PDB file of N, CA and C in Angstrom:
ATOM      1  N   MET A   1     114.767  94.120  99.803  1.00  0.00           N
ATOM      2  CA  MET A   1     114.006  94.766 100.850  1.00  0.00           C
ATOM      3  C   MET A   1     112.516  94.796 100.459  1.00  0.00           C
ATOM      4  N   GLY A   2     112.238  94.387  99.253  1.00  0.00           N
ATOM      5  CA  GLY A   2     110.820  94.352  98.806  1.00  0.00           C
ATOM      6  C   GLY A   2     110.230  95.714  98.355  1.00  0.00           C
ATOM      7  N   LEU A   3     111.121  96.691  98.039  1.00  0.00           N
ATOM      8  CA  LEU A   3     110.669  97.970  97.655  1.00  0.00           C
ATOM      9  C   LEU A   3     110.278  97.962  96.124  1.00  0.00           C
ATOM     10  N   LYS A   4     109.160  98.620  95.840  1.00  0.00           N
ATOM     11  CA  LYS A   4     108.712  98.692  94.445  1.00  0.00           C
ATOM     12  C   LYS A   4     109.290  99.870  93.723  1.00  0.00           C
ATOM     13  N   LEU A   5     109.945  99.584  92.579  1.00  0.00           N
ATOM     14  CA  LEU A   5     110.542 100.569  91.724  1.00  0.00           C
ATOM     15  C   LEU A   5     109.384 101.438  91.136  1.00  0.00           C
ATOM     16  N   HIS A   6     109.410 102.726  91.375  1.00  0.00           N
ATOM     17  CA  HIS A   6     108.340 103.610  90.893  1.00  0.00           C
ATOM     18  C   HIS A   6     108.807 104.403  89.602  1.00  0.00           C
ATOM     19  N   ALA A   7     110.103 104.783  89.556  1.00  0.00           N
ATOM     20  CA  ALA A   7     110.626 105.545  88.485  1.00  0.00           C
ATOM     21  C   ALA A   7     112.147 105.427  88.432  1.00  0.00           C
ATOM     22  N   GLY A   8     112.758 105.769  87.233  1.00  0.00           N
ATOM     23  CA  GLY A   8     114.147 105.717  87.128  1.00  0.00           C
ATOM     24  C   GLY A   8     114.732 104.372  86.945  1.00  0.00           C
ATOM     25  N   SER A   9     116.039 104.256  86.926  1.00  0.00           N
ATOM     26  CA  SER A   9     116.728 102.972  86.735  1.00  0.00           C
ATOM     27  C   SER A   9     118.197 103.178  87.144  1.00  0.00           C
ATOM     28  N   SER A  10     118.889 102.126  87.357  1.00  0.00           N
ATOM     29  CA  SER A  10     120.336 102.309  87.637  1.00  0.00           C
ATOM     30  C   SER A  10     121.099 102.883  86.458  1.00  0.00           C
ATOM     31  N   ALA A  11     120.617 102.620  85.228  1.00  0.00           N
ATOM     32  CA  ALA A  11     121.265 103.206  84.028  1.00  0.00           C
ATOM     33  C   ALA A  11     121.062 104.712  83.959  1.00  0.00           C
ATOM     34  N   LEU A  12     119.953 105.179  84.550  1.00  0.00           N
ATOM     35  CA  LEU A  12     119.654 106.633  84.509  1.00  0.00           C
ATOM     36  C   LEU A  12     120.403 107.343  85.704  1.00  0.00           C
ATOM     37  N   GLY A  13     120.912 106.569  86.661  1.00  0.00           N
ATOM     38  CA  GLY A  13     121.623 107.157  87.777  1.00  0.00           C
ATOM     39  C   GLY A  13     120.726 107.500  89.017  1.00  0.00           C
ATOM     40  N   TYR A  14     119.445 107.123  88.889  1.00  0.00           N
ATOM     41  CA  TYR A  14     118.601 107.284  90.065  1.00  0.00           C
ATOM     42  C   TYR A  14     117.473 106.222  90.030  1.00  0.00           C
ATOM     43  N   CYS A  15     116.948 105.986  91.162  1.00  0.00           N
ATOM     44  CA  CYS A  15     115.784 105.081  91.288  1.00  0.00           C
ATOM     45  C   CYS A  15     114.848 105.634  92.363  1.00  0.00           C
ATOM     46  N   VAL A  16     113.570 105.636  92.133  1.00  0.00           N
ATOM     47  CA  VAL A  16     112.601 106.059  93.107  1.00  0.00           C
ATOM     48  C   VAL A  16     111.750 104.865  93.448  1.00  0.00           C
ATOM     49  N   PHE A  17     111.757 104.523  94.787  1.00  0.00           N
ATOM     50  CA  PHE A  17     110.984 103.364  95.259  1.00  0.00           C
ATOM     51  C   PHE A  17     109.852 103.866  96.149  1.00  0.00           C
ATOM     52  N   GLU A  18     108.794 103.076  96.163  1.00  0.00           N
ATOM     53  CA  GLU A  18     107.682 103.397  96.977  1.00  0.00           C
ATOM     54  C   GLU A  18     107.269 102.194  97.797  1.00  0.00           C
ATOM     55  N   SER A  19     106.876 102.388  99.049  1.00  0.00           N
ATOM     56  CA  SER A  19     106.490 101.326  99.978  1.00  0.00           C
ATOM     57  C   SER A  19     105.533 101.979 100.935  1.00  0.00           C
ATOM     58  N   GLY A  20     104.242 101.571 100.900  1.00  0.00           N
ATOM     59  CA  GLY A  20     103.269 102.185 101.780  1.00  0.00           C
ATOM     60  C   GLY A  20     103.164 103.664 101.464  1.00  0.00           C
ATOM     61  N   GLY A  21     103.262 104.523 102.468  1.00  0.00           N
ATOM     62  CA  GLY A  21     103.169 105.932 102.209  1.00  0.00           C
ATOM     63  C   GLY A  21     104.576 106.614 102.134  1.00  0.00           C
ATOM     64  N   ALA A  22     105.589 105.806 102.043  1.00  0.00           N
ATOM     65  CA  ALA A  22     106.985 106.380 101.979  1.00  0.00           C
ATOM     66  C   ALA A  22     107.549 106.342 100.572  1.00  0.00           C
ATOM     67  N   THR A  23     108.338 107.302 100.251  1.00  0.00           N
ATOM     68  CA  THR A  23     109.089 107.334  98.935  1.00  0.00           C
ATOM     69  C   THR A  23     110.566 107.460  99.267  1.00  0.00           C
ATOM     70  N   LEU A  24     111.340 106.646  98.620  1.00  0.00           N
ATOM     71  CA  LEU A  24     112.850 106.670  98.787  1.00  0.00           C
ATOM     72  C   LEU A  24     113.448 106.924  97.418  1.00  0.00           C
ATOM     73  N   VAL A  25     114.291 107.939  97.370  1.00  0.00           N
ATOM     74  CA  VAL A  25     115.027 108.236  96.127  1.00  0.00           C
ATOM     75  C   VAL A  25     116.507 107.908  96.316  1.00  0.00           C
ATOM     76  N   VAL A  26     117.080 107.088  95.452  1.00  0.00           N
ATOM     77  CA  VAL A  26     118.469 106.721  95.574  1.00  0.00           C
ATOM     78  C   VAL A  26     119.160 107.127  94.334  1.00  0.00           C
ATOM     79  N   GLU A  27     120.253 107.892  94.508  1.00  0.00           N
ATOM     80  CA  GLU A  27     121.027 108.395  93.371  1.00  0.00           C
ATOM     81  C   GLU A  27     122.422 107.805  93.387  1.00  0.00           C
ATOM     82  N   SER A  28     123.004 107.539  92.262  1.00  0.00           N
ATOM     83  CA  SER A  28     124.362 107.095  92.161  1.00  0.00           C
ATOM     84  C   SER A  28     125.328 108.277  91.868  1.00  0.00           C
ATOM     85  N   VAL A  29     126.607 108.019  92.178  1.00  0.00           N
ATOM     86  CA  VAL A  29     127.633 108.993  91.931  1.00  0.00           C
ATOM     87  C   VAL A  29     128.532 108.386  90.890  1.00  0.00           C
ATOM     88  N   PRO A  30     128.594 108.952  89.641  1.00  0.00           N
ATOM     89  CA  PRO A  30     129.403 108.364  88.607  1.00  0.00           C
ATOM     90  C   PRO A  30     130.918 108.368  88.940  1.00  0.00           C
ATOM     91  N   GLU A  31     131.670 107.423  88.416  1.00  0.00           N
ATOM     92  CA  GLU A  31     133.138 107.346  88.708  1.00  0.00           C
ATOM     93  C   GLU A  31     133.844 108.569  88.243  1.00  0.00           C
ATOM     94  N   ASP A  32     133.271 109.320  87.218  1.00  0.00           N
ATOM     95  CA  ASP A  32     133.956 110.487  86.726  1.00  0.00           C
ATOM     96  C   ASP A  32     133.399 111.794  87.325  1.00  0.00           C
ATOM     97  N   ALA A  33     132.632 111.679  88.435  1.00  0.00           N
ATOM     98  CA  ALA A  33     132.066 112.841  89.129  1.00  0.00           C
ATOM     99  C   ALA A  33     133.169 113.606  89.800  1.00  0.00           C
ATOM    100  N   PRO A  34     132.957 114.933  90.001  1.00  0.00           N
ATOM    101  CA  PRO A  34     133.944 115.762  90.736  1.00  0.00           C
ATOM    102  C   PRO A  34     134.284 115.197  92.150  1.00  0.00           C
ATOM    103  N   ALA A  35     135.381 115.535  92.652  1.00  0.00           N
ATOM    104  CA  ALA A  35     135.880 115.067  93.909  1.00  0.00           C
ATOM    105  C   ALA A  35     134.877 115.369  95.033  1.00  0.00           C
ATOM    106  N   ASP A  36     134.181 116.558  95.038  1.00  0.00           N
ATOM    107  CA  ASP A  36     133.326 116.906  96.107  1.00  0.00           C
ATOM    108  C   ASP A  36     132.081 116.004  96.112  1.00  0.00           C
ATOM    109  N   GLU A  37     131.779 115.308  94.964  1.00  0.00           N
ATOM    110  CA  GLU A  37     130.657 114.384  94.958  1.00  0.00           C
ATOM    111  C   GLU A  37     131.237 112.963  95.284  1.00  0.00           C
ATOM    112  N   GLN A  38     132.408 112.593  94.808  1.00  0.00           N
ATOM    113  CA  GLN A  38     132.995 111.315  95.108  1.00  0.00           C
ATOM    114  C   GLN A  38     133.202 111.061  96.597  1.00  0.00           C
ATOM    115  N   CYS A  39     133.452 112.063  97.353  1.00  0.00           N
ATOM    116  CA  CYS A  39     133.675 111.884  98.791  1.00  0.00           C
ATOM    117  C   CYS A  39     132.399 111.422  99.535  1.00  0.00           C
ATOM    118  N   LEU A  40     131.262 111.521  98.864  1.00  0.00           N
ATOM    119  CA  LEU A  40     129.965 111.107  99.462  1.00  0.00           C
ATOM    120  C   LEU A  40     129.788 109.541  99.392  1.00  0.00           C
ATOM    121  N   VAL A  41     130.632 108.863  98.646  1.00  0.00           N
ATOM    122  CA  VAL A  41     130.473 107.467  98.435  1.00  0.00           C
ATOM    123  C   VAL A  41     131.185 106.708  99.545  1.00  0.00           C
ATOM    124  N   GLY A  42     130.626 105.645 100.136  1.00  0.00           N
ATOM    125  CA  GLY A  42     131.210 104.802 101.085  1.00  0.00           C
ATOM    126  C   GLY A  42     131.269 105.313 102.511  1.00  0.00           C
ATOM    127  N   ARG A  43     130.148 105.973 102.913  1.00  0.00           N
ATOM    128  CA  ARG A  43     130.107 106.470 104.299  1.00  0.00           C
ATOM    129  C   ARG A  43     128.791 106.069 104.873  1.00  0.00           C
ATOM    130  N   PHE A  44     128.590 106.330 106.177  1.00  0.00           N
ATOM    131  CA  PHE A  44     127.307 106.105 106.814  1.00  0.00           C
ATOM    132  C   PHE A  44     126.274 107.070 106.323  1.00  0.00           C
ATOM    133  N   THR A  45     125.141 106.594 105.856  1.00  0.00           N
ATOM    134  CA  THR A  45     124.141 107.433 105.286  1.00  0.00           C
ATOM    135  C   THR A  45     123.132 108.035 106.258  1.00  0.00           C
ATOM    136  N   GLY A  46     123.063 107.379 107.417  1.00  0.00           N
ATOM    137  CA  GLY A  46     121.975 107.777 108.359  1.00  0.00           C
ATOM    138  C   GLY A  46     120.606 107.169 107.956  1.00  0.00           C
ATOM    139  N   LEU A  47     120.612 106.412 106.948  1.00  0.00           N
ATOM    140  CA  LEU A  47     119.322 105.802 106.452  1.00  0.00           C
ATOM    141  C   LEU A  47     119.134 104.456 107.101  1.00  0.00           C
ATOM    142  N   SER A  48     118.024 104.285 107.748  1.00  0.00           N
ATOM    143  CA  SER A  48     117.686 102.997 108.434  1.00  0.00           C
ATOM    144  C   SER A  48     116.367 102.438 107.909  1.00  0.00           C
ATOM    145  N   PHE A  49     116.307 101.121 107.900  1.00  0.00           N
ATOM    146  CA  PHE A  49     115.079 100.439 107.498  1.00  0.00           C
ATOM    147  C   PHE A  49     114.550  99.740 108.679  1.00  0.00           C
ATOM    148  N   THR A  50     113.316 100.076 109.137  1.00  0.00           N
ATOM    149  CA  THR A  50     112.674  99.371 110.229  1.00  0.00           C
ATOM    150  C   THR A  50     112.072  98.048 109.720  1.00  0.00           C
ATOM    151  N   VAL A  51     112.374  96.925 110.416  1.00  0.00           N
ATOM    152  CA  VAL A  51     111.933  95.639 110.010  1.00  0.00           C
ATOM    153  C   VAL A  51     111.346  94.937 111.226  1.00  0.00           C
ATOM    154  N   GLU A  52     110.514  93.950 111.016  1.00  0.00           N
ATOM    155  CA  GLU A  52     109.939  93.194 112.079  1.00  0.00           C
ATOM    156  C   GLU A  52     110.968  92.400 112.844  1.00  0.00           C
ATOM    157  N   SER A  53     111.917  91.756 112.104  1.00  0.00           N
ATOM    158  CA  SER A  53     112.973  90.960 112.699  1.00  0.00           C
ATOM    159  C   SER A  53     114.297  91.268 112.012  1.00  0.00           C
ATOM    160  N   VAL A  54     115.206  91.866 112.733  1.00  0.00           N
ATOM    161  CA  VAL A  54     116.544  92.090 112.168  1.00  0.00           C
ATOM    162  C   VAL A  54     117.218  90.724 111.912  1.00  0.00           C
ATOM    163  N   ALA A  55     117.072  89.806 112.774  1.00  0.00           N
ATOM    164  CA  ALA A  55     117.766  88.520 112.601  1.00  0.00           C
ATOM    165  C   ALA A  55     117.291  87.867 111.278  1.00  0.00           C
ATOM    166  N   ALA A  56     115.976  87.809 111.085  1.00  0.00           N
ATOM    167  CA  ALA A  56     115.499  87.194 109.858  1.00  0.00           C
ATOM    168  C   ALA A  56     115.909  87.926 108.541  1.00  0.00           C
ATOM    169  N   THR A  57     115.919  89.253 108.662  1.00  0.00           N
ATOM    170  CA  THR A  57     116.311  90.062 107.470  1.00  0.00           C
ATOM    171  C   THR A  57     117.749  89.921 107.278  1.00  0.00           C
ATOM    172  N   TYR A  58     118.504  89.874 108.343  1.00  0.00           N
ATOM    173  CA  TYR A  58     119.961  89.656 108.241  1.00  0.00           C
ATOM    174  C   TYR A  58     120.305  88.297 107.511  1.00  0.00           C
ATOM    175  N   ASP A  59     119.608  87.273 107.941  1.00  0.00           N
ATOM    176  CA  ASP A  59     119.800  85.917 107.372  1.00  0.00           C
ATOM    177  C   ASP A  59     119.416  85.933 105.922  1.00  0.00           C
ATOM    178  N   ARG A  60     118.315  86.571 105.544  1.00  0.00           N
ATOM    179  CA  ARG A  60     117.897  86.639 104.167  1.00  0.00           C
ATOM    180  C   ARG A  60     118.864  87.418 103.306  1.00  0.00           C
ATOM    181  N   LEU A  61     119.385  88.589 103.799  1.00  0.00           N
ATOM    182  CA  LEU A  61     120.260  89.424 103.000  1.00  0.00           C
ATOM    183  C   LEU A  61     121.645  88.806 102.921  1.00  0.00           C
ATOM    184  N   THR A  62     122.183  88.149 103.996  1.00  0.00           N
ATOM    185  CA  THR A  62     123.472  87.562 103.876  1.00  0.00           C
ATOM    186  C   THR A  62     123.433  86.359 102.950  1.00  0.00           C
ATOM    187  N   SER A  63     122.304  85.716 102.834  1.00  0.00           N
ATOM    188  CA  SER A  63     122.211  84.578 101.881  1.00  0.00           C
ATOM    189  C   SER A  63     122.246  85.138 100.465  1.00  0.00           C
ATOM    190  N   ARG A  64     122.069  86.439 100.281  1.00  0.00           N
ATOM    191  CA  ARG A  64     122.174  87.079  98.950  1.00  0.00           C
ATOM    192  C   ARG A  64     123.432  87.866  98.846  1.00  0.00           C
ATOM    193  N   ASN A  65     124.437  87.515  99.714  1.00  0.00           N
ATOM    194  CA  ASN A  65     125.789  88.137  99.653  1.00  0.00           C
ATOM    195  C   ASN A  65     125.835  89.639 100.026  1.00  0.00           C
ATOM    196  N   VAL A  66     124.862  90.077 100.777  1.00  0.00           N
ATOM    197  CA  VAL A  66     124.969  91.497 101.296  1.00  0.00           C
ATOM    198  C   VAL A  66     126.028  91.469 102.396  1.00  0.00           C
ATOM    199  N   SER A  67     126.793  92.553 102.418  1.00  0.00           N
ATOM    200  CA  SER A  67     127.961  92.610 103.362  1.00  0.00           C
ATOM    201  C   SER A  67     127.507  93.380 104.615  1.00  0.00           C
ATOM    202  N   PHE A  68     127.582  92.743 105.792  1.00  0.00           N
ATOM    203  CA  PHE A  68     127.327  93.414 107.002  1.00  0.00           C
ATOM    204  C   PHE A  68     128.582  93.637 107.826  1.00  0.00           C
ATOM    205  N   SER A  69     128.630  94.676 108.614  1.00  0.00           N
ATOM    206  CA  SER A  69     129.814  94.946 109.465  1.00  0.00           C
ATOM    207  C   SER A  69     129.931  94.046 110.663  1.00  0.00           C
ATOM    208  N   GLY A  70     128.879  93.371 110.987  1.00  0.00           N
ATOM    209  CA  GLY A  70     128.821  92.449 112.089  1.00  0.00           C
ATOM    210  C   GLY A  70     127.409  91.876 112.225  1.00  0.00           C
ATOM    211  N   GLU A  71     127.265  90.997 113.196  1.00  0.00           N
ATOM    212  CA  GLU A  71     125.977  90.364 113.398  1.00  0.00           C
ATOM    213  C   GLU A  71     125.034  91.343 114.058  1.00  0.00           C
ATOM    214  N   PRO A  72     123.688  91.062 114.041  1.00  0.00           N
ATOM    215  CA  PRO A  72     122.723  91.968 114.729  1.00  0.00           C
ATOM    216  C   PRO A  72     123.084  92.096 116.177  1.00  0.00           C
ATOM    217  N   GLU A  73     122.916  93.333 116.689  1.00  0.00           N
ATOM    218  CA  GLU A  73     123.237  93.535 118.151  1.00  0.00           C
ATOM    219  C   GLU A  73     122.043  94.191 118.869  1.00  0.00           C
ATOM    220  N   ALA A  74     121.787  93.558 120.036  1.00  0.00           N
ATOM    221  CA  ALA A  74     120.752  94.131 120.950  1.00  0.00           C
ATOM    222  C   ALA A  74     121.234  95.463 121.480  1.00  0.00           C
ATOM    223  N   GLN A  75     120.345  96.439 121.564  1.00  0.00           N
ATOM    224  CA  GLN A  75     120.654  97.716 122.048  1.00  0.00           C
ATOM    225  C   GLN A  75     120.126  97.981 123.439  1.00  0.00           C
ATOM    226  N   SER A  76     120.686  98.875 124.158  1.00  0.00           N
ATOM    227  CA  SER A  76     120.251  99.181 125.525  1.00  0.00           C
ATOM    228  C   SER A  76     118.855  99.709 125.627  1.00  0.00           C
ATOM    229  N   TRP A  77     118.347 100.253 124.524  1.00  0.00           N
ATOM    230  CA  TRP A  77     116.952 100.786 124.478  1.00  0.00           C
ATOM    231  C   TRP A  77     115.950  99.774 124.109  1.00  0.00           C
ATOM    232  N   GLY A  78     116.379  98.493 123.912  1.00  0.00           N
ATOM    233  CA  GLY A  78     115.419  97.389 123.704  1.00  0.00           C
ATOM    234  C   GLY A  78     115.289  96.947 122.260  1.00  0.00           C
ATOM    235  N   GLY A  79     115.964  97.645 121.291  1.00  0.00           N
ATOM    236  CA  GLY A  79     115.891  97.258 119.951  1.00  0.00           C
ATOM    237  C   GLY A  79     117.032  96.484 119.483  1.00  0.00           C
ATOM    238  N   VAL A  80     117.148  96.200 118.172  1.00  0.00           N
ATOM    239  CA  VAL A  80     118.210  95.528 117.567  1.00  0.00           C
ATOM    240  C   VAL A  80     118.717  96.216 116.313  1.00  0.00           C
ATOM    241  N   LEU A  81     119.952  96.370 116.111  1.00  0.00           N
ATOM    242  CA  LEU A  81     120.512  97.032 114.929  1.00  0.00           C
ATOM    243  C   LEU A  81     121.454  96.109 114.202  1.00  0.00           C
ATOM    244  N   ALA A  82     121.556  96.292 112.924  1.00  0.00           N
ATOM    245  CA  ALA A  82     122.574  95.617 112.086  1.00  0.00           C
ATOM    246  C   ALA A  82     122.918  96.607 110.971  1.00  0.00           C
ATOM    247  N   THR A  83     124.207  96.777 110.731  1.00  0.00           N
ATOM    248  CA  THR A  83     124.726  97.739 109.712  1.00  0.00           C
ATOM    249  C   THR A  83     125.195  96.941 108.493  1.00  0.00           C
ATOM    250  N   PHE A  84     124.723  97.349 107.305  1.00  0.00           N
ATOM    251  CA  PHE A  84     125.174  96.656 106.054  1.00  0.00           C
ATOM    252  C   PHE A  84     125.600  97.733 105.031  1.00  0.00           C
ATOM    253  N   LYS A  85     126.240  97.204 104.007  1.00  0.00           N
ATOM    254  CA  LYS A  85     126.772  98.027 102.937  1.00  0.00           C
ATOM    255  C   LYS A  85     126.009  97.826 101.597  1.00  0.00           C
ATOM    256  N   ASP A  86     125.662  98.896 100.881  1.00  0.00           N
ATOM    257  CA  ASP A  86     125.143  98.739  99.548  1.00  0.00           C
ATOM    258  C   ASP A  86     126.287  98.431  98.592  1.00  0.00           C
ATOM    259  N   PRO A  87     126.015  98.140  97.293  1.00  0.00           N
ATOM    260  CA  PRO A  87     127.092  97.789  96.432  1.00  0.00           C
ATOM    261  C   PRO A  87     128.225  98.830  96.262  1.00  0.00           C
ATOM    262  N   ALA A  88     127.871 100.110  96.550  1.00  0.00           N
ATOM    263  CA  ALA A  88     128.856 101.206  96.479  1.00  0.00           C
ATOM    264  C   ALA A  88     129.696 101.354  97.752  1.00  0.00           C
ATOM    265  N   GLY A  89     129.314 100.613  98.808  1.00  0.00           N
ATOM    266  CA  GLY A  89     130.028 100.689 100.037  1.00  0.00           C
ATOM    267  C   GLY A  89     129.411 101.687 101.081  1.00  0.00           C
ATOM    268  N   ASN A  90     128.218 102.261 100.730  1.00  0.00           N
ATOM    269  CA  ASN A  90     127.555 103.122 101.682  1.00  0.00           C
ATOM    270  C   ASN A  90     126.918 102.318 102.804  1.00  0.00           C
ATOM    271  N   GLU A  91     127.006 102.784 103.994  1.00  0.00           N
ATOM    272  CA  GLU A  91     126.486 102.035 105.175  1.00  0.00           C
ATOM    273  C   GLU A  91     125.050 102.432 105.471  1.00  0.00           C
ATOM    274  N   LEU A  92     124.231 101.457 105.665  1.00  0.00           N
ATOM    275  CA  LEU A  92     122.782 101.601 106.013  1.00  0.00           C
ATOM    276  C   LEU A  92     122.463 100.699 107.248  1.00  0.00           C
ATOM    277  N   GLN A  93     121.380 100.891 107.879  1.00  0.00           N
ATOM    278  CA  GLN A  93     121.069 100.078 109.055  1.00  0.00           C
ATOM    279  C   GLN A  93     119.741  99.411 108.959  1.00  0.00           C
ATOM    280  N   LEU A  94     119.606  98.246 109.551  1.00  0.00           N
ATOM    281  CA  LEU A  94     118.334  97.602 109.801  1.00  0.00           C
ATOM    282  C   LEU A  94     118.018  97.863 111.256  1.00  0.00           C
ATOM    283  N   VAL A  95     116.799  98.247 111.593  1.00  0.00           N
ATOM    284  CA  VAL A  95     116.371  98.533 112.930  1.00  0.00           C
ATOM    285  C   VAL A  95     115.124  97.719 113.290  1.00  0.00           C
ATOM    286  N   GLN A  96     115.211  97.062 114.456  1.00  0.00           N
ATOM    287  CA  GLN A  96     114.015  96.408 115.009  1.00  0.00           C
ATOM    288  C   GLN A  96     113.721  97.128 116.317  1.00  0.00           C
ATOM    289  N   MET A  97     112.538  97.773 116.352  1.00  0.00           N
ATOM    290  CA  MET A  97     112.204  98.613 117.482  1.00  0.00           C
ATOM    291  C   MET A  97     112.093  97.944 118.817  1.00  0.00           C
ATOM    292  N   ASN A  98     111.432  96.779 118.882  1.00  0.00           N
ATOM    293  CA  ASN A  98     111.276  96.073 120.112  1.00  0.00           C
ATOM    294  C   ASN A  98     111.676  94.620 119.856  1.00  0.00           C
ATOM    295  N   ALA A  99     112.711  94.229 120.604  1.00  0.00           N
ATOM    296  CA  ALA A  99     113.271  92.859 120.433  1.00  0.00           C
ATOM    297  C   ALA A  99     112.452  91.773 121.130  1.00  0.00           C
ATOM    298  N   GLY A 100     111.455  92.165 121.898  1.00  0.00           N
ATOM    299  CA  GLY A 100     110.683  91.171 122.623  1.00  0.00           C
ATOM    300  C   GLY A 100     109.807  90.351 121.726  1.00  0.00           C
TER     301      GLY A 100
END
């Protein structure tokens, strides 16, 4: 996605990314974590990435073996959505605000 790593690492269990004025913190859940933390893995996160073209981003990410639940879909409100999974199985979305 072109995000710049600002702090942390996958080995430390967290990464902090910066892009423009936004900061994104991503944390991992270890395999030996308690059950109340394990249940957070592999679900819809509610996290969406706004992109200029969902179709172009979809093509780029699928060429890198990113798993999508389906092809990009036009929405009734005029945008386009595509849902993909991170390596842990968490669902995230790509959003294109205006498909025109």
